[in-house]
Amino acid sequence: MWRSLRRWLVRQWLPAAFKVRGVRMAYMRYLGALASDPEADRAALVRAATHLGVALAEDLQAELELGDSVADADAAWGLGCQVLGLTHQRSVEGGRVTYDHTGCDWHQFNARQGACHCETLCLPMVRSLTATLAPSVTVTVDRVPTRERGCRKSLS
C-alpha cells in the first residue's frame, strides 16, 4: 500500500525538472552504452548524431523562426544547454561567442565510466545543427573534450 501511494505521489508531485533530469540521464546512459560497445559502428553513431542535429535545427527554424546569424546560432546553443542541463561560461568578443562547458551531465557520466564520447555523439550533433540552422556561421572547437574536462566551442 505504501509503495503504491508513494508512486502516486511521485507521479503527481515530483517537480518537472527532476522528471526531465531523469529522462535525460536515461538517454545519456543509453548513448553511453551504444558508444562503449566494441561492436558499435562509430561511423553510424556519428551519422545518427549528425542527423539529430539537422532535425533539431529544422525544428528550431520552424518553431522559433531562427535564421542564419551568429545570434540565432547562439540562441539555439543557449537553448540546447538549458534543455540538456549544461553549465557553461559564455563570453562574447566582437562577432565571436564562446561556450566553455563547466558542467555537462553527458561528459561527467562518461568520464565516470572512463570514457569520452563527445567526438562521436555531441560534437557532430552541434556542428550539423549549426550548419543547418546558420550555414554562414563557423563552429570552432577551441578545446577538445577529454575525460578530465569538458569542451570549449565558439561560434563566429
C-alpha atoms as a PDB file:
ATOM      1  CA  MET A   1       0.000   0.000   0.000  1.00  0.00           C
ATOM      2  CA  TRP A   2       2.748   2.482   0.933  1.00  0.00           C
ATOM      3  CA  ARG A   3       4.617   1.674  -2.235  1.00  0.00           C
ATOM      4  CA  SER A   4       1.617   2.395  -4.458  1.00  0.00           C
ATOM      5  CA  LEU A   5       0.891   5.588  -2.509  1.00  0.00           C
ATOM      6  CA  ARG A   6       4.498   6.697  -2.945  1.00  0.00           C
ATOM      7  CA  ARG A   7       4.342   6.001  -6.690  1.00  0.00           C
ATOM      8  CA  TRP A   8       1.141   8.004  -6.969  1.00  0.00           C
ATOM      9  CA  LEU A   9       2.688  10.918  -5.063  1.00  0.00           C
ATOM     10  CA  VAL A  10       5.770  10.849  -7.267  1.00  0.00           C
ATOM     11  CA  ARG A  11       3.660  10.955 -10.423  1.00  0.00           C
ATOM     12  CA  GLN A  12       1.539  13.793  -9.049  1.00  0.00           C
ATOM     13  CA  TRP A  13       4.035  15.980  -7.248  1.00  0.00           C
ATOM     14  CA  LEU A  14       7.544  15.292  -8.472  1.00  0.00           C
ATOM     15  CA  PRO A  15       8.920  18.523  -9.895  1.00  0.00           C
ATOM     16  CA  ALA A  16       9.094  18.638 -13.683  1.00  0.00           C
ATOM     17  CA  ALA A  17      12.809  19.490 -13.592  1.00  0.00           C
ATOM     18  CA  PHE A  18      13.531  16.285 -11.690  1.00  0.00           C
ATOM     19  CA  LYS A  19      11.483  14.251 -14.170  1.00  0.00           C
ATOM     20  CA  VAL A  20      13.315  15.812 -17.123  1.00  0.00           C
ATOM     21  CA  ARG A  21      16.696  15.174 -15.499  1.00  0.00           C
ATOM     22  CA  GLY A  22      15.768  11.508 -15.010  1.00  0.00           C
ATOM     23  CA  VAL A  23      14.802  11.121 -18.663  1.00  0.00           C
ATOM     24  CA  ARG A  24      17.965  12.977 -19.727  1.00  0.00           C
ATOM     25  CA  MET A  25      20.163  10.679 -17.610  1.00  0.00           C
ATOM     26  CA  ALA A  26      18.465   7.567 -19.010  1.00  0.00           C
ATOM     27  CA  TYR A  27      19.090   8.878 -22.531  1.00  0.00           C
ATOM     28  CA  MET A  28      22.740   9.536 -21.683  1.00  0.00           C
ATOM     29  CA  ARG A  29      23.163   6.033 -20.276  1.00  0.00           C
ATOM     30  CA  TYR A  30      21.665   4.645 -23.470  1.00  0.00           C
ATOM     31  CA  LEU A  31      24.008   6.647 -25.689  1.00  0.00           C
ATOM     32  CA  GLY A  32      26.981   5.797 -23.461  1.00  0.00           C
ATOM     33  CA  ALA A  33      26.187   2.101 -23.749  1.00  0.00           C
ATOM     34  CA  LEU A  34      25.976   2.404 -27.541  1.00  0.00           C
ATOM     35  CA  ALA A  35      29.230   4.342 -27.819  1.00  0.00           C
ATOM     36  CA  SER A  36      31.058   1.974 -25.449  1.00  0.00           C
ATOM     37  CA  ASP A  37      30.006  -1.168 -27.285  1.00  0.00           C
ATOM     38  CA  PRO A  38      33.056  -2.543 -29.145  1.00  0.00           C
ATOM     39  CA  GLU A  39      30.666  -3.923 -31.771  1.00  0.00           C
ATOM     40  CA  ALA A  40      29.100  -0.481 -32.376  1.00  0.00           C
ATOM     41  CA  ASP A  41      29.856   1.161 -35.682  1.00  0.00           C
ATOM     42  CA  ARG A  42      31.380   4.545 -34.777  1.00  0.00           C
ATOM     43  CA  ALA A  43      30.573   5.960 -38.212  1.00  0.00           C
ATOM     44  CA  ALA A  44      26.903   5.000 -37.761  1.00  0.00           C
ATOM     45  CA  LEU A  45      26.810   6.770 -34.391  1.00  0.00           C
ATOM     46  CA  VAL A  46      28.348   9.909 -35.925  1.00  0.00           C
ATOM     47  CA  ARG A  47      25.789   9.775 -38.765  1.00  0.00           C
ATOM     48  CA  ALA A  48      22.938   9.405 -36.255  1.00  0.00           C
ATOM     49  CA  ALA A  49      24.215  12.354 -34.178  1.00  0.00           C
ATOM     50  CA  THR A  50      24.600  14.426 -37.355  1.00  0.00           C
ATOM     51  CA  HIS A  51      21.047  13.567 -38.426  1.00  0.00           C
ATOM     52  CA  LEU A  52      19.783  14.548 -34.959  1.00  0.00           C
ATOM     53  CA  GLY A  53      21.482  17.947 -35.291  1.00  0.00           C
ATOM     54  CA  VAL A  54      19.830  18.539 -38.665  1.00  0.00           C
ATOM     55  CA  ALA A  55      16.412  17.576 -37.282  1.00  0.00           C
ATOM     56  CA  LEU A  56      16.844  19.848 -34.255  1.00  0.00           C
ATOM     57  CA  ALA A  57      17.871  22.766 -36.473  1.00  0.00           C
ATOM     58  CA  GLU A  58      14.823  22.261 -38.692  1.00  0.00           C
ATOM     59  CA  ASP A  59      12.566  22.191 -35.617  1.00  0.00           C
ATOM     60  CA  LEU A  60      14.167  25.362 -34.234  1.00  0.00           C
ATOM     61  CA  GLN A  61      13.759  27.121 -37.580  1.00  0.00           C
ATOM     62  CA  ALA A  62      10.080  26.155 -37.740  1.00  0.00           C
ATOM     63  CA  GLU A  63       9.153  26.730 -34.100  1.00  0.00           C
ATOM     64  CA  LEU A  64      11.270  29.757 -33.190  1.00  0.00           C
ATOM     65  CA  GLU A  65      11.877  31.222 -36.656  1.00  0.00           C
ATOM     66  CA  LEU A  66      15.624  31.281 -36.071  1.00  0.00           C
ATOM     67  CA  GLY A  67      17.655  32.385 -39.065  1.00  0.00           C
ATOM     68  CA  ASP A  68      21.193  32.442 -40.414  1.00  0.00           C
ATOM     69  CA  SER A  69      23.167  34.540 -37.961  1.00  0.00           C
ATOM     70  CA  VAL A  70      25.600  34.125 -35.096  1.00  0.00           C
ATOM     71  CA  ALA A  71      22.869  35.472 -32.786  1.00  0.00           C
ATOM     72  CA  ASP A  72      20.440  32.780 -33.956  1.00  0.00           C
ATOM     73  CA  ALA A  73      23.030  30.005 -33.578  1.00  0.00           C
ATOM     74  CA  ASP A  74      23.867  31.415 -30.134  1.00  0.00           C
ATOM     75  CA  ALA A  75      20.169  31.291 -29.190  1.00  0.00           C
ATOM     76  CA  ALA A  76      19.988  27.652 -30.352  1.00  0.00           C
ATOM     77  CA  TRP A  77      23.108  26.724 -28.380  1.00  0.00           C
ATOM     78  CA  GLY A  78      21.828  28.512 -25.273  1.00  0.00           C
ATOM     79  CA  LEU A  79      18.525  26.687 -25.528  1.00  0.00           C
ATOM     80  CA  GLY A  80      20.315  23.367 -26.024  1.00  0.00           C
ATOM     81  CA  CYS A  81      22.482  23.966 -22.961  1.00  0.00           C
ATOM     82  CA  GLN A  82      19.407  24.741 -20.894  1.00  0.00           C
ATOM     83  CA  VAL A  83      17.468  21.683 -22.093  1.00  0.00           C
ATOM     84  CA  LEU A  84      20.411  19.309 -21.623  1.00  0.00           C
ATOM     85  CA  GLY A  85      21.377  20.737 -18.237  1.00  0.00           C
ATOM     86  CA  LEU A  86      24.788  22.023 -19.310  1.00  0.00           C
ATOM     87  CA  THR A  87      26.509  24.712 -17.324  1.00  0.00           C
ATOM     88  CA  HIS A  88      28.903  26.970 -19.144  1.00  0.00           C
ATOM     89  CA  GLN A  89      30.710  30.246 -19.175  1.00  0.00           C
ATOM     90  CA  ARG A  90      29.540  32.262 -22.187  1.00  0.00           C
ATOM     91  CA  SER A  91      31.634  35.120 -23.489  1.00  0.00           C
ATOM     92  CA  VAL A  92      31.223  37.428 -26.458  1.00  0.00           C
ATOM     93  CA  GLU A  93      34.101  39.191 -28.202  1.00  0.00           C
ATOM     94  CA  GLY A  94      33.243  41.034 -31.360  1.00  0.00           C
ATOM     95  CA  GLY A  95      31.354  38.608 -33.583  1.00  0.00           C
ATOM     96  CA  ARG A  96      32.576  35.519 -31.703  1.00  0.00           C
ATOM     97  CA  VAL A  97      30.556  33.736 -28.999  1.00  0.00           C
ATOM     98  CA  THR A  98      32.387  31.184 -26.840  1.00  0.00           C
ATOM     99  CA  TYR A  99      30.866  28.461 -24.674  1.00  0.00           C
ATOM    100  CA  ASP A 100      33.237  26.981 -22.096  1.00  0.00           C
ATOM    101  CA  HIS A 101      31.402  23.973 -20.688  1.00  0.00           C
ATOM    102  CA  THR A 102      31.978  23.779 -16.955  1.00  0.00           C
ATOM    103  CA  GLY A 103      29.383  21.115 -16.251  1.00  0.00           C
ATOM    104  CA  CYS A 104      27.890  18.575 -18.597  1.00  0.00           C
ATOM    105  CA  ASP A 105      25.939  15.583 -17.322  1.00  0.00           C
ATOM    106  CA  TRP A 106      26.803  13.680 -20.508  1.00  0.00           C
ATOM    107  CA  HIS A 107      30.525  14.343 -20.134  1.00  0.00           C
ATOM    108  CA  GLN A 108      30.555  13.656 -16.384  1.00  0.00           C
ATOM    109  CA  PHE A 109      28.577  10.426 -16.791  1.00  0.00           C
ATOM    110  CA  ASN A 110      31.007   9.100 -19.393  1.00  0.00           C
ATOM    111  CA  ALA A 111      34.083  10.302 -17.506  1.00  0.00           C
ATOM    112  CA  ARG A 112      32.949   8.233 -14.507  1.00  0.00           C
ATOM    113  CA  GLN A 113      32.853   5.267 -16.905  1.00  0.00           C
ATOM    114  CA  GLY A 114      36.407   6.087 -18.034  1.00  0.00           C
ATOM    115  CA  ALA A 115      35.388   7.337 -21.478  1.00  0.00           C
ATOM    116  CA  CYS A 116      34.797  10.475 -23.515  1.00  0.00           C
ATOM    117  CA  HIS A 117      32.256  10.133 -26.340  1.00  0.00           C
ATOM    118  CA  CYS A 118      31.912  13.829 -27.184  1.00  0.00           C
ATOM    119  CA  GLU A 119      33.660  13.465 -30.559  1.00  0.00           C
ATOM    120  CA  THR A 120      31.266  10.680 -31.551  1.00  0.00           C
ATOM    121  CA  LEU A 121      27.928  11.973 -30.300  1.00  0.00           C
ATOM    122  CA  CYS A 122      27.884  15.576 -29.096  1.00  0.00           C
ATOM    123  CA  LEU A 123      30.185  17.456 -31.447  1.00  0.00           C
ATOM    124  CA  PRO A 124      28.723  16.017 -34.700  1.00  0.00           C
ATOM    125  CA  MET A 125      25.249  16.983 -33.472  1.00  0.00           C
ATOM    126  CA  VAL A 126      26.329  20.541 -32.565  1.00  0.00           C
ATOM    127  CA  ARG A 127      28.181  21.010 -35.855  1.00  0.00           C
ATOM    128  CA  SER A 128      25.287  19.783 -38.003  1.00  0.00           C
ATOM    129  CA  LEU A 129      22.728  21.788 -36.023  1.00  0.00           C
ATOM    130  CA  THR A 130      24.740  24.951 -36.598  1.00  0.00           C
ATOM    131  CA  ALA A 131      25.498  24.188 -40.260  1.00  0.00           C
ATOM    132  CA  THR A 132      21.810  23.539 -40.976  1.00  0.00           C
ATOM    133  CA  LEU A 133      20.456  26.466 -38.971  1.00  0.00           C
ATOM    134  CA  ALA A 134      23.073  29.028 -39.931  1.00  0.00           C
ATOM    135  CA  PRO A 135      25.342  27.860 -42.772  1.00  0.00           C
ATOM    136  CA  SER A 136      27.332  31.096 -42.716  1.00  0.00           C
ATOM    137  CA  VAL A 137      28.322  30.546 -39.062  1.00  0.00           C
ATOM    138  CA  THR A 138      31.533  28.702 -38.249  1.00  0.00           C
ATOM    139  CA  VAL A 139      31.857  26.318 -35.299  1.00  0.00           C
ATOM    140  CA  THR A 140      35.322  26.061 -33.810  1.00  0.00           C
ATOM    141  CA  VAL A 141      36.301  23.581 -31.116  1.00  0.00           C
ATOM    142  CA  ASP A 142      38.754  25.653 -29.088  1.00  0.00           C
ATOM    143  CA  ARG A 143      39.416  22.908 -26.558  1.00  0.00           C
ATOM    144  CA  VAL A 144      38.781  19.268 -27.355  1.00  0.00           C
ATOM    145  CA  PRO A 145      36.998  17.456 -24.528  1.00  0.00           C
ATOM    146  CA  THR A 146      38.893  14.840 -22.567  1.00  0.00           C
ATOM    147  CA  ARG A 147      37.887  12.631 -19.649  1.00  0.00           C
ATOM    148  CA  GLU A 148      39.269  15.299 -17.316  1.00  0.00           C
ATOM    149  CA  ARG A 149      37.479  18.375 -18.687  1.00  0.00           C
ATOM    150  CA  GLY A 150      34.684  19.487 -20.966  1.00  0.00           C
ATOM    151  CA  CYS A 151      34.993  21.286 -24.261  1.00  0.00           C
ATOM    152  CA  ARG A 152      35.113  24.900 -25.287  1.00  0.00           C
ATOM    153  CA  LYS A 153      33.414  25.791 -28.567  1.00  0.00           C
ATOM    154  CA  SER A 154      32.956  29.061 -30.416  1.00  0.00           C
ATOM    155  CA  LEU A 155      30.598  30.487 -33.000  1.00  0.00           C
ATOM    156  CA  SER A 156      31.768  33.138 -35.434  1.00  0.00           C
END
